[in-house]
Amino acid sequence: QVQLVESGGGLVQPGGSLRLSCKASGTVFSISALGWYRQAPENQRELVASITAGGTTNYADSVKGRFTISRDNAKKTVYLQMSSLKSDDTAVYYCALHRASTGRWAYWGPGTQVTVSS
């Protein structure tokens, strides 16, 4: 069983930075792809960034050059460094773990709120 818990959200001014963390339990962390999703009110949940077990990263066009995803397998933690934040980045951010055996984002954290506002 896998559990994911996000932290690091909060209120930040436009142009500021935040680092989100997601701590995992279980034994499949190091062999799984991980992702950060976000969902703003009345919007669909969207994939912001992902990282494979081998460290290959992928980003949504809206965050390229501003967000960086990374992972620490020893700590079973995935990070999302966010900089040059905009009001459009305001959302609940979720981390997710992908199971290759099912081809699905199978496990989700409860989410952490990020609000970008002056």
C-alpha atoms as a PDB file:
ATOM      1  CA  GLN A   1       0.000   0.000   0.000  1.00  0.00           C
ATOM      2  CA  VAL A   2       1.233   3.477  -0.869  1.00  0.00           C
ATOM      3  CA  GLN A   3       0.397   6.675   0.942  1.00  0.00           C
ATOM      4  CA  LEU A   4       1.378  10.134  -0.260  1.00  0.00           C
ATOM      5  CA  VAL A   5       1.358  13.315   1.801  1.00  0.00           C
ATOM      6  CA  GLU A   6       2.072  16.757   0.340  1.00  0.00           C
ATOM      7  CA  SER A   7       3.441  19.757   2.215  1.00  0.00           C
ATOM      8  CA  GLY A   8       4.806  23.197   1.506  1.00  0.00           C
ATOM      9  CA  GLY A   9       1.778  24.977   0.121  1.00  0.00           C
ATOM     10  CA  GLY A  10       0.720  28.418   1.227  1.00  0.00           C
ATOM     11  CA  LEU A  11       0.201  32.029   0.237  1.00  0.00           C
ATOM     12  CA  VAL A  12       2.857  33.698  -1.901  1.00  0.00           C
ATOM     13  CA  GLN A  13       3.038  36.964  -3.803  1.00  0.00           C
ATOM     14  CA  PRO A  14       3.255  37.048  -7.593  1.00  0.00           C
ATOM     15  CA  GLY A  15       6.837  36.498  -8.676  1.00  0.00           C
ATOM     16  CA  GLY A  16       7.627  34.528  -5.540  1.00  0.00           C
ATOM     17  CA  SER A  17       8.715  30.943  -5.027  1.00  0.00           C
ATOM     18  CA  LEU A  18       7.542  27.860  -3.159  1.00  0.00           C
ATOM     19  CA  ARG A  19       8.808  24.313  -2.848  1.00  0.00           C
ATOM     20  CA  LEU A  20       6.294  21.525  -2.486  1.00  0.00           C
ATOM     21  CA  SER A  21       7.265  18.172  -1.035  1.00  0.00           C
ATOM     22  CA  CYS A  22       5.500  14.836  -1.196  1.00  0.00           C
ATOM     23  CA  LYS A  23       6.529  12.075   1.174  1.00  0.00           C
ATOM     24  CA  ALA A  24       5.632   8.503   0.240  1.00  0.00           C
ATOM     25  CA  SER A  25       5.321   5.270   2.123  1.00  0.00           C
ATOM     26  CA  GLY A  26       5.538   1.780   0.669  1.00  0.00           C
ATOM     27  CA  THR A  27       8.092  -0.108  -1.318  1.00  0.00           C
ATOM     28  CA  VAL A  28       7.498   0.912  -4.928  1.00  0.00           C
ATOM     29  CA  PHE A  29       8.623   4.536  -4.800  1.00  0.00           C
ATOM     30  CA  SER A  30      12.006   4.097  -6.478  1.00  0.00           C
ATOM     31  CA  ILE A  31      10.614   2.097  -9.407  1.00  0.00           C
ATOM     32  CA  SER A  32       7.638   4.346 -10.095  1.00  0.00           C
ATOM     33  CA  ALA A  33       7.052   7.509 -12.032  1.00  0.00           C
ATOM     34  CA  LEU A  34       5.787  10.417  -9.977  1.00  0.00           C
ATOM     35  CA  GLY A  35       3.794  13.452 -10.911  1.00  0.00           C
ATOM     36  CA  TRP A  36       2.423  16.732  -9.679  1.00  0.00           C
ATOM     37  CA  TYR A  37      -1.105  17.667 -10.713  1.00  0.00           C
ATOM     38  CA  ARG A  38      -3.088  20.768  -9.912  1.00  0.00           C
ATOM     39  CA  GLN A  39      -6.736  21.710  -9.933  1.00  0.00           C
ATOM     40  CA  ALA A  40      -8.101  25.228  -9.766  1.00  0.00           C
ATOM     41  CA  PRO A  41     -11.763  25.915  -8.952  1.00  0.00           C
ATOM     42  CA  GLU A  42     -14.053  24.960 -11.845  1.00  0.00           C
ATOM     43  CA  ASN A  43     -11.082  23.591 -13.812  1.00  0.00           C
ATOM     44  CA  GLN A  44     -10.104  20.050 -14.631  1.00  0.00           C
ATOM     45  CA  ARG A  45      -7.149  18.499 -12.881  1.00  0.00           C
ATOM     46  CA  GLU A  46      -4.040  18.914 -15.018  1.00  0.00           C
ATOM     47  CA  LEU A  47      -0.631  17.296 -15.003  1.00  0.00           C
ATOM     48  CA  VAL A  48       1.968  19.945 -14.213  1.00  0.00           C
ATOM     49  CA  ALA A  49       5.159  17.889 -14.114  1.00  0.00           C
ATOM     50  CA  SER A  50       6.271  14.289 -14.022  1.00  0.00           C
ATOM     51  CA  ILE A  51       9.485  12.369 -13.431  1.00  0.00           C
ATOM     52  CA  THR A  52      10.220   8.789 -14.370  1.00  0.00           C
ATOM     53  CA  ALA A  53      12.023   6.246 -12.231  1.00  0.00           C
ATOM     54  CA  GLY A  54      15.110   7.006 -14.295  1.00  0.00           C
ATOM     55  CA  GLY A  55      14.834  10.749 -13.742  1.00  0.00           C
ATOM     56  CA  THR A  56      13.401  11.906 -17.066  1.00  0.00           C
ATOM     57  CA  THR A  57      11.201  14.940 -16.543  1.00  0.00           C
ATOM     58  CA  ASN A  58       8.279  16.413 -18.439  1.00  0.00           C
ATOM     59  CA  TYR A  59       6.413  19.678 -17.917  1.00  0.00           C
ATOM     60  CA  ALA A  60       3.216  21.343 -18.993  1.00  0.00           C
ATOM     61  CA  ASP A  61       3.895  24.240 -21.347  1.00  0.00           C
ATOM     62  CA  SER A  62       2.408  26.654 -18.824  1.00  0.00           C
ATOM     63  CA  VAL A  63       5.145  25.949 -16.255  1.00  0.00           C
ATOM     64  CA  LYS A  64       8.211  25.200 -18.389  1.00  0.00           C
ATOM     65  CA  GLY A  65      11.179  27.216 -17.255  1.00  0.00           C
ATOM     66  CA  ARG A  66       9.499  28.102 -13.947  1.00  0.00           C
ATOM     67  CA  PHE A  67       8.884  24.771 -12.211  1.00  0.00           C
ATOM     68  CA  THR A  68      11.329  21.952 -11.511  1.00  0.00           C
ATOM     69  CA  ILE A  69      10.408  18.454 -10.400  1.00  0.00           C
ATOM     70  CA  SER A  70      12.944  16.271  -8.629  1.00  0.00           C
ATOM     71  CA  ARG A  71      13.015  13.148  -6.523  1.00  0.00           C
ATOM     72  CA  ASP A  72      15.044  11.693  -3.666  1.00  0.00           C
ATOM     73  CA  ASN A  73      14.568   7.939  -3.619  1.00  0.00           C
ATOM     74  CA  ALA A  74      16.423   7.525  -0.314  1.00  0.00           C
ATOM     75  CA  LYS A  75      13.905   9.849   1.331  1.00  0.00           C
ATOM     76  CA  LYS A  76      10.954   8.595  -0.747  1.00  0.00           C
ATOM     77  CA  THR A  77      10.165  12.200  -1.514  1.00  0.00           C
ATOM     78  CA  VAL A  78       9.319  14.088  -4.676  1.00  0.00           C
ATOM     79  CA  TYR A  79       9.640  17.864  -4.896  1.00  0.00           C
ATOM     80  CA  LEU A  80       8.201  20.630  -7.010  1.00  0.00           C
ATOM     81  CA  GLN A  81      10.227  23.832  -6.974  1.00  0.00           C
ATOM     82  CA  MET A  82       8.039  26.662  -8.238  1.00  0.00           C
ATOM     83  CA  SER A  83       9.364  30.089  -9.109  1.00  0.00           C
ATOM     84  CA  SER A  84       8.095  33.221 -10.865  1.00  0.00           C
ATOM     85  CA  LEU A  85       4.667  32.295  -9.603  1.00  0.00           C
ATOM     86  CA  LYS A  86       1.604  33.835 -11.203  1.00  0.00           C
ATOM     87  CA  SER A  87      -1.995  34.159 -10.063  1.00  0.00           C
ATOM     88  CA  ASP A  88      -2.885  31.479 -12.629  1.00  0.00           C
ATOM     89  CA  ASP A  89      -0.797  29.010 -10.613  1.00  0.00           C
ATOM     90  CA  THR A  90      -3.299  29.215  -7.763  1.00  0.00           C
ATOM     91  CA  ALA A  91      -4.696  25.719  -7.248  1.00  0.00           C
ATOM     92  CA  VAL A  92      -4.687  22.656  -5.073  1.00  0.00           C
ATOM     93  CA  TYR A  93      -1.556  20.685  -5.923  1.00  0.00           C
ATOM     94  CA  TYR A  94      -1.575  16.890  -5.735  1.00  0.00           C
ATOM     95  CA  CYS A  95       1.251  14.418  -6.024  1.00  0.00           C
ATOM     96  CA  ALA A  96       0.593  11.073  -7.650  1.00  0.00           C
ATOM     97  CA  LEU A  97       2.399   7.785  -8.150  1.00  0.00           C
ATOM     98  CA  HIS A  98       2.143   5.894 -11.432  1.00  0.00           C
ATOM     99  CA  ARG A  99       1.974   2.117 -11.434  1.00  0.00           C
ATOM    100  CA  ALA A 100       3.444   0.645 -14.606  1.00  0.00           C
ATOM    101  CA  SER A 101       1.584  -2.618 -13.923  1.00  0.00           C
ATOM    102  CA  THR A 102      -1.752  -0.875 -14.418  1.00  0.00           C
ATOM    103  CA  GLY A 103      -0.735   2.081 -16.578  1.00  0.00           C
ATOM    104  CA  ARG A 104      -2.531   4.410 -14.205  1.00  0.00           C
ATOM    105  CA  TRP A 105      -1.811   7.160 -11.724  1.00  0.00           C
ATOM    106  CA  ALA A 106      -2.891   4.817  -8.964  1.00  0.00           C
ATOM    107  CA  TYR A 107      -2.103   6.680  -5.753  1.00  0.00           C
ATOM    108  CA  TRP A 108      -2.817  10.265  -4.795  1.00  0.00           C
ATOM    109  CA  GLY A 109      -2.080  12.573  -1.918  1.00  0.00           C
ATOM    110  CA  PRO A 110      -4.784  14.711  -0.291  1.00  0.00           C
ATOM    111  CA  GLY A 111      -3.419  17.897  -1.875  1.00  0.00           C
ATOM    112  CA  THR A 112      -1.936  21.158  -0.687  1.00  0.00           C
ATOM    113  CA  GLN A 113      -3.281  24.629  -1.456  1.00  0.00           C
ATOM    114  CA  VAL A 114      -1.100  27.135  -3.282  1.00  0.00           C
ATOM    115  CA  THR A 115      -2.427  30.680  -3.500  1.00  0.00           C
ATOM    116  CA  VAL A 116      -0.598  33.339  -5.480  1.00  0.00           C
ATOM    117  CA  SER A 117      -1.907  36.754  -4.568  1.00  0.00           C
ATOM    118  CA  SER A 118      -0.738  40.198  -3.535  1.00  0.00           C
END
